[in-house]
Amino acid sequence: MLKTLLIILLFIASITFIFQNQLIFIHAFSINYDMKIFQITDIQMNNSILMISAFILGSLISLILIGSSLYRKSLKNNELKKQIAALESGSVSRDDKRL
């Protein structure tokens, strides 16, 4: 219940912010990018598109970094499970020899 109220308040605050600051989002910027092999000149782009593209790019980078970290941890976890299984099977075989 509290989480739902918090989400509703956050949504209302963001809508209010957007309506009060519409000029910031519709302001157009001229983009120039010049390299020897690639060149972009005088492309008009809205600030909202720049913000959305930066958000998407940041999300993709963080997903890639988180995914690679989880993959490495999964490999390490599997390796440790194999070591535990090997140690347990070794102790079980020693117990069988004692009997």
N, C-alpha and C. Protein backbone atom coordinates (compact mmCIF):
# COMPACT_ATOMS: atom_id res chain seq x y z
N MET A 1 0.82 -1.19 0.00
CA MET A 1 0.00 0.00 0.00
C MET A 1 0.87 1.26 0.00
N LEU A 2 1.89 1.25 0.86
CA LEU A 2 2.79 2.40 0.94
C LEU A 2 3.59 2.56 -0.35
N LYS A 3 4.00 1.42 -0.90
CA LYS A 3 4.76 1.45 -2.15
C LYS A 3 3.91 2.03 -3.28
N THR A 4 2.64 1.65 -3.33
CA THR A 4 1.73 2.16 -4.37
C THR A 4 1.54 3.66 -4.23
N LEU A 5 1.37 4.13 -3.01
CA LEU A 5 1.22 5.57 -2.79
C LEU A 5 2.48 6.33 -3.19
N LEU A 6 3.63 5.75 -2.89
CA LEU A 6 4.89 6.38 -3.27
C LEU A 6 5.03 6.47 -4.78
N ILE A 7 4.65 5.42 -5.49
CA ILE A 7 4.71 5.43 -6.96
C ILE A 7 3.75 6.45 -7.52
N ILE A 8 2.55 6.56 -6.96
CA ILE A 8 1.57 7.55 -7.43
C ILE A 8 2.09 8.96 -7.21
N LEU A 9 2.66 9.22 -6.04
CA LEU A 9 3.22 10.55 -5.76
C LEU A 9 4.39 10.88 -6.69
N LEU A 10 5.23 9.90 -6.96
CA LEU A 10 6.35 10.10 -7.88
C LEU A 10 5.84 10.40 -9.29
N PHE A 11 4.81 9.69 -9.71
CA PHE A 11 4.21 9.93 -11.03
C PHE A 11 3.62 11.33 -11.11
N ILE A 12 2.89 11.75 -10.10
CA ILE A 12 2.29 13.09 -10.09
C ILE A 12 3.38 14.16 -10.10
N ALA A 13 4.44 13.96 -9.32
CA ALA A 13 5.54 14.93 -9.28
C ALA A 13 6.23 15.02 -10.63
N SER A 14 6.43 13.89 -11.30
CA SER A 14 7.10 13.92 -12.60
C SER A 14 6.22 14.57 -13.66
N ILE A 15 4.93 14.31 -13.64
CA ILE A 15 4.02 14.97 -14.60
C ILE A 15 4.01 16.47 -14.36
N THR A 16 3.96 16.88 -13.10
CA THR A 16 3.98 18.31 -12.77
C THR A 16 5.28 18.95 -13.26
N PHE A 17 6.41 18.27 -13.04
CA PHE A 17 7.69 18.80 -13.49
C PHE A 17 7.71 18.96 -15.01
N ILE A 18 7.20 17.97 -15.72
CA ILE A 18 7.21 18.02 -17.19
C ILE A 18 6.36 19.18 -17.69
N PHE A 19 5.16 19.36 -17.12
CA PHE A 19 4.30 20.45 -17.58
C PHE A 19 4.85 21.83 -17.22
N GLN A 20 5.53 21.94 -16.11
CA GLN A 20 6.08 23.23 -15.72
C GLN A 20 7.35 23.57 -16.50
N ASN A 21 8.01 22.58 -17.06
CA ASN A 21 9.28 22.80 -17.74
C ASN A 21 9.25 22.33 -19.20
N GLN A 22 8.14 22.55 -19.88
CA GLN A 22 8.02 22.07 -21.25
C GLN A 22 9.01 22.73 -22.20
N LEU A 23 9.36 23.96 -21.95
CA LEU A 23 10.28 24.65 -22.87
C LEU A 23 11.66 24.01 -22.87
N ILE A 24 12.05 23.44 -21.75
CA ILE A 24 13.36 22.77 -21.68
C ILE A 24 13.36 21.55 -22.59
N PHE A 25 12.25 20.82 -22.61
CA PHE A 25 12.20 19.57 -23.37
C PHE A 25 12.03 19.78 -24.87
N ILE A 26 11.42 20.90 -25.26
CA ILE A 26 11.21 21.11 -26.70
C ILE A 26 12.26 22.03 -27.33
N HIS A 27 13.20 22.49 -26.52
CA HIS A 27 14.27 23.33 -27.05
C HIS A 27 15.15 22.50 -28.00
N ALA A 28 15.45 23.06 -29.16
CA ALA A 28 16.24 22.33 -30.16
C ALA A 28 17.70 22.76 -30.10
N PHE A 29 18.57 21.79 -30.26
CA PHE A 29 20.01 22.03 -30.30
C PHE A 29 20.54 21.66 -31.67
N SER A 30 21.57 22.37 -32.09
CA SER A 30 22.25 22.04 -33.33
C SER A 30 23.42 21.12 -33.00
N ILE A 31 23.46 19.96 -33.64
CA ILE A 31 24.49 18.98 -33.35
C ILE A 31 25.50 18.95 -34.49
N ASN A 32 26.75 19.13 -34.16
CA ASN A 32 27.85 19.04 -35.12
C ASN A 32 28.87 18.04 -34.60
N TYR A 33 29.28 17.14 -35.48
CA TYR A 33 30.27 16.12 -35.12
C TYR A 33 31.15 15.92 -36.32
N ASP A 34 32.44 16.15 -36.16
CA ASP A 34 33.34 16.09 -37.31
C ASP A 34 34.58 15.27 -36.97
N MET A 35 34.73 14.18 -37.69
CA MET A 35 35.95 13.38 -37.63
C MET A 35 36.42 13.21 -39.07
N LYS A 36 37.57 12.65 -39.24
CA LYS A 36 38.09 12.51 -40.60
C LYS A 36 37.26 11.52 -41.43
N ILE A 37 36.75 10.47 -40.79
CA ILE A 37 36.00 9.47 -41.56
C ILE A 37 34.50 9.60 -41.42
N PHE A 38 34.02 10.38 -40.46
CA PHE A 38 32.59 10.49 -40.20
C PHE A 38 32.25 11.93 -39.83
N GLN A 39 31.19 12.47 -40.43
CA GLN A 39 30.88 13.88 -40.20
C GLN A 39 29.37 14.07 -40.14
N ILE A 40 28.91 14.80 -39.12
CA ILE A 40 27.51 15.20 -38.99
C ILE A 40 27.52 16.71 -38.82
N THR A 41 26.74 17.42 -39.63
CA THR A 41 26.72 18.87 -39.52
C THR A 41 25.29 19.38 -39.44
N ASP A 42 25.08 20.28 -38.51
CA ASP A 42 23.83 21.03 -38.35
C ASP A 42 22.57 20.17 -38.35
N ILE A 43 22.52 19.21 -37.47
CA ILE A 43 21.29 18.45 -37.27
C ILE A 43 20.57 19.05 -36.08
N GLN A 44 19.32 19.45 -36.29
CA GLN A 44 18.51 19.99 -35.21
C GLN A 44 17.86 18.83 -34.45
N MET A 45 18.08 18.79 -33.11
CA MET A 45 17.54 17.71 -32.30
C MET A 45 16.96 18.30 -31.03
N ASN A 46 15.78 17.81 -30.64
CA ASN A 46 15.14 18.27 -29.40
C ASN A 46 15.90 17.77 -28.19
N ASN A 47 15.82 18.55 -27.13
CA ASN A 47 16.47 18.17 -25.89
C ASN A 47 15.88 16.88 -25.33
N SER A 48 14.57 16.68 -25.52
CA SER A 48 13.94 15.46 -25.00
C SER A 48 14.51 14.22 -25.67
N ILE A 49 14.80 14.29 -26.96
CA ILE A 49 15.38 13.15 -27.67
C ILE A 49 16.81 12.90 -27.18
N LEU A 50 17.55 13.97 -26.93
CA LEU A 50 18.90 13.80 -26.38
C LEU A 50 18.86 13.15 -24.99
N MET A 51 17.91 13.57 -24.16
CA MET A 51 17.79 13.01 -22.82
C MET A 51 17.37 11.54 -22.87
N ILE A 52 16.43 11.21 -23.74
CA ILE A 52 15.97 9.82 -23.86
C ILE A 52 17.08 8.93 -24.40
N SER A 53 17.81 9.42 -25.40
CA SER A 53 18.89 8.61 -25.96
C SER A 53 20.02 8.42 -24.94
N ALA A 54 20.31 9.44 -24.15
CA ALA A 54 21.34 9.29 -23.11
C ALA A 54 20.88 8.30 -22.05
N PHE A 55 19.60 8.32 -21.69
CA PHE A 55 19.07 7.37 -20.72
C PHE A 55 19.15 5.94 -21.25
N ILE A 56 18.76 5.75 -22.51
CA ILE A 56 18.80 4.41 -23.11
C ILE A 56 20.24 3.91 -23.21
N LEU A 57 21.16 4.77 -23.63
CA LEU A 57 22.56 4.38 -23.72
C LEU A 57 23.13 4.00 -22.35
N GLY A 58 22.81 4.79 -21.34
CA GLY A 58 23.26 4.47 -19.99
C GLY A 58 22.66 3.18 -19.48
N SER A 59 21.39 2.93 -19.79
CA SER A 59 20.74 1.67 -19.39
C SER A 59 21.41 0.48 -20.05
N LEU A 60 21.71 0.60 -21.33
CA LEU A 60 22.36 -0.51 -22.04
C LEU A 60 23.76 -0.79 -21.48
N ILE A 61 24.50 0.26 -21.20
CA ILE A 61 25.85 0.08 -20.64
C ILE A 61 25.76 -0.59 -19.27
N SER A 62 24.83 -0.14 -18.43
CA SER A 62 24.72 -0.74 -17.10
C SER A 62 24.23 -2.18 -17.18
N LEU A 63 23.32 -2.49 -18.11
CA LEU A 63 22.88 -3.87 -18.28
C LEU A 63 24.01 -4.78 -18.73
N ILE A 64 24.84 -4.28 -19.62
CA ILE A 64 25.98 -5.08 -20.08
C ILE A 64 26.95 -5.33 -18.93
N LEU A 65 27.25 -4.30 -18.15
CA LEU A 65 28.17 -4.46 -17.03
C LEU A 65 27.60 -5.38 -15.96
N ILE A 66 26.32 -5.23 -15.64
CA ILE A 66 25.69 -6.10 -14.65
C ILE A 66 25.64 -7.53 -15.16
N GLY A 67 25.31 -7.71 -16.44
CA GLY A 67 25.25 -9.06 -17.02
C GLY A 67 26.59 -9.75 -17.00
N SER A 68 27.65 -9.03 -17.33
CA SER A 68 28.98 -9.65 -17.32
C SER A 68 29.39 -10.00 -15.89
N SER A 69 29.05 -9.16 -14.94
CA SER A 69 29.36 -9.46 -13.54
C SER A 69 28.60 -10.69 -13.06
N LEU A 70 27.33 -10.79 -13.41
CA LEU A 70 26.54 -11.95 -13.01
C LEU A 70 27.06 -13.22 -13.67
N TYR A 71 27.50 -13.12 -14.92
CA TYR A 71 28.03 -14.28 -15.62
C TYR A 71 29.31 -14.78 -14.94
N ARG A 72 30.20 -13.84 -14.58
CA ARG A 72 31.43 -14.23 -13.89
C ARG A 72 31.13 -14.86 -12.54
N LYS A 73 30.16 -14.30 -11.81
CA LYS A 73 29.80 -14.87 -10.52
C LYS A 73 29.18 -16.25 -10.68
N SER A 74 28.40 -16.44 -11.74
CA SER A 74 27.80 -17.75 -12.00
C SER A 74 28.88 -18.79 -12.29
N LEU A 75 29.89 -18.42 -13.09
CA LEU A 75 30.99 -19.34 -13.35
C LEU A 75 31.73 -19.69 -12.07
N LYS A 76 32.00 -18.70 -11.24
CA LYS A 76 32.69 -18.93 -9.98
C LYS A 76 31.86 -19.82 -9.06
N ASN A 77 30.54 -19.59 -9.04
CA ASN A 77 29.64 -20.37 -8.21
C ASN A 77 29.63 -21.84 -8.65
N ASN A 78 29.58 -22.08 -9.96
CA ASN A 78 29.62 -23.45 -10.47
C ASN A 78 30.94 -24.13 -10.14
N GLU A 79 32.02 -23.40 -10.24
CA GLU A 79 33.34 -23.95 -9.91
C GLU A 79 33.41 -24.34 -8.44
N LEU A 80 32.89 -23.49 -7.57
CA LEU A 80 32.89 -23.78 -6.13
C LEU A 80 31.98 -24.96 -5.80
N LYS A 81 30.84 -25.08 -6.50
CA LYS A 81 29.96 -26.22 -6.28
C LYS A 81 30.65 -27.53 -6.67
N LYS A 82 31.42 -27.50 -7.76
CA LYS A 82 32.16 -28.70 -8.16
C LYS A 82 33.22 -29.06 -7.13
N GLN A 83 33.89 -28.04 -6.57
CA GLN A 83 34.89 -28.31 -5.54
C GLN A 83 34.25 -28.89 -4.28
N ILE A 84 33.08 -28.37 -3.92
CA ILE A 84 32.37 -28.89 -2.74
C ILE A 84 31.95 -30.33 -2.98
N ALA A 85 31.42 -30.60 -4.17
CA ALA A 85 31.01 -31.97 -4.49
C ALA A 85 32.21 -32.92 -4.47
N ALA A 86 33.34 -32.48 -4.98
CA ALA A 86 34.54 -33.32 -4.97
C ALA A 86 35.02 -33.57 -3.54
N LEU A 87 35.00 -32.55 -2.71
CA LEU A 87 35.41 -32.72 -1.32
C LEU A 87 34.45 -33.63 -0.55
N GLU A 88 33.14 -33.48 -0.81
CA GLU A 88 32.16 -34.32 -0.14
C GLU A 88 32.30 -35.78 -0.58
N SER A 89 32.52 -36.00 -1.86
CA SER A 89 32.67 -37.38 -2.33
C SER A 89 33.95 -37.99 -1.78
N GLY A 90 34.97 -37.19 -1.59
CA GLY A 90 36.22 -37.66 -0.99
C GLY A 90 36.02 -38.03 0.45
N SER A 91 35.25 -37.26 1.20
CA SER A 91 35.01 -37.58 2.61
C SER A 91 34.08 -38.77 2.75
N VAL A 92 33.15 -38.95 1.83
CA VAL A 92 32.25 -40.09 1.87
C VAL A 92 33.03 -41.37 1.60
N SER A 93 33.95 -41.34 0.65
CA SER A 93 34.74 -42.55 0.35
C SER A 93 35.64 -42.92 1.51
N ARG A 94 36.17 -41.94 2.25
CA ARG A 94 36.98 -42.22 3.42
C ARG A 94 36.14 -42.83 4.53
N ASP A 95 34.88 -42.35 4.68
CA ASP A 95 33.99 -42.91 5.68
C ASP A 95 33.63 -44.36 5.35
N ASP A 96 33.48 -44.68 4.07
CA ASP A 96 33.16 -46.05 3.66
C ASP A 96 34.33 -46.97 3.97
N LYS A 97 35.54 -46.49 3.83
CA LYS A 97 36.71 -47.32 4.10
C LYS A 97 36.83 -47.63 5.59
N ARG A 98 36.41 -46.72 6.44
CA ARG A 98 36.47 -46.94 7.89
C ARG A 98 35.52 -48.04 8.32
N LEU A 99 34.37 -48.17 7.67
CA LEU A 99 33.39 -49.18 8.05
C LEU A 99 33.84 -50.50 7.54
